[in-house]
Amino acid sequence: MDKRKIYESWKEKDVKISDSFADKVMNKVFEYERRPRFFDVQRIIEIISAHSIIKNSLIVMGAVAGSIRVMYMLLIAFS
């Protein structure tokens, strides 16, 4: 079925929404945003982006891990 036809058929249905629907949704959103997060990816990315030392450290650690992996594979291949 075409997306337009699906949308039009959905619009034709008589869906009843309560007057307090928007308030309920916004309350749930507010509760979700107020929950404490132990592993907040967005906050971690903000911290990393704000400090060049952290960015450089991550690049160096990635390069070291990559070179160790290559050396280990070469060691396995030539042994």
Protein backbone atom coordinates (compact mmCIF):
# COMPACT_ATOMS: atom_id res chain seq x y z
CA MET A 1 0.00 0.00 0.00
CA ASP A 2 1.17 3.51 -0.77
CA LYS A 3 2.19 5.67 2.18
CA ARG A 4 -0.26 8.35 1.12
CA LYS A 5 -3.14 5.82 1.06
CA ILE A 6 -2.18 4.52 4.49
CA TYR A 7 -2.15 8.06 5.86
CA GLU A 8 -5.47 8.93 4.24
CA SER A 9 -7.11 5.76 5.59
CA TRP A 10 -5.81 6.59 9.06
CA LYS A 11 -7.21 10.12 8.82
CA GLU A 12 -10.63 8.78 7.86
CA LYS A 13 -10.87 6.81 11.10
CA ASP A 14 -12.72 8.61 13.86
CA VAL A 15 -10.17 8.55 16.67
CA LYS A 16 -11.29 10.07 19.95
CA ILE A 17 -8.57 11.78 21.97
CA SER A 18 -9.25 13.08 25.45
CA ASP A 19 -8.77 16.74 26.26
CA SER A 20 -5.99 15.95 28.72
CA PHE A 21 -3.98 13.86 26.23
CA ALA A 22 -1.32 16.52 25.63
CA ASP A 23 -0.96 17.15 29.37
CA LYS A 24 -0.46 13.43 30.04
CA VAL A 25 2.16 13.16 27.31
CA MET A 26 4.05 16.23 28.52
CA ASN A 27 3.98 14.94 32.12
CA LYS A 28 5.48 11.63 30.97
CA VAL A 29 8.17 13.48 29.02
CA PHE A 30 8.96 15.62 32.07
CA GLU A 31 9.18 12.52 34.28
CA TYR A 32 11.45 10.82 31.77
CA GLU A 33 13.80 13.82 31.62
CA ARG A 34 13.94 14.11 35.43
CA ARG A 35 14.97 10.48 35.97
CA PRO A 36 18.56 10.07 37.10
CA ARG A 37 20.69 8.46 34.43
CA PHE A 38 23.70 6.43 35.38
CA PHE A 39 25.00 6.07 31.82
CA ASP A 40 24.07 9.23 29.92
CA VAL A 41 25.68 8.98 26.49
CA GLN A 42 24.82 12.56 25.55
CA ARG A 43 26.54 13.92 28.67
CA ILE A 44 29.63 11.77 28.02
CA ILE A 45 29.85 13.07 24.45
CA GLU A 46 29.51 16.66 25.68
CA ILE A 47 32.36 16.16 28.16
CA ILE A 48 34.59 14.56 25.53
CA SER A 49 33.82 17.28 22.99
CA ALA A 50 34.58 20.08 25.43
CA HIS A 51 38.09 18.92 26.36
CA SER A 52 40.80 18.52 23.75
CA ILE A 53 42.99 16.54 26.18
CA ILE A 54 40.31 13.86 26.47
CA LYS A 55 39.84 13.76 22.69
CA ASN A 56 43.58 13.42 22.12
CA SER A 57 43.84 10.75 24.81
CA LEU A 58 41.11 8.69 23.18
CA ILE A 59 42.84 8.98 19.79
CA VAL A 60 46.18 7.86 21.27
CA MET A 61 44.55 4.97 23.15
CA GLY A 62 42.84 3.87 19.94
CA ALA A 63 46.11 4.04 18.01
CA VAL A 64 47.93 2.05 20.71
CA ALA A 65 45.18 -0.58 20.84
CA GLY A 66 45.19 -0.84 17.06
CA SER A 67 48.96 -1.22 16.84
CA ILE A 68 48.95 -3.87 19.60
CA ARG A 69 46.28 -5.76 17.69
CA VAL A 70 48.28 -5.60 14.45
CA MET A 71 51.45 -6.77 16.21
CA TYR A 72 49.53 -9.63 17.85
CA MET A 73 48.10 -10.72 14.50
CA LEU A 74 51.55 -10.57 12.90
CA LEU A 75 52.95 -12.62 15.77
CA ILE A 76 50.25 -15.25 15.27
CA ALA A 77 50.69 -15.23 11.47
CA PHE A 78 54.46 -15.68 11.57
CA SER A 79 54.65 -18.20 14.39
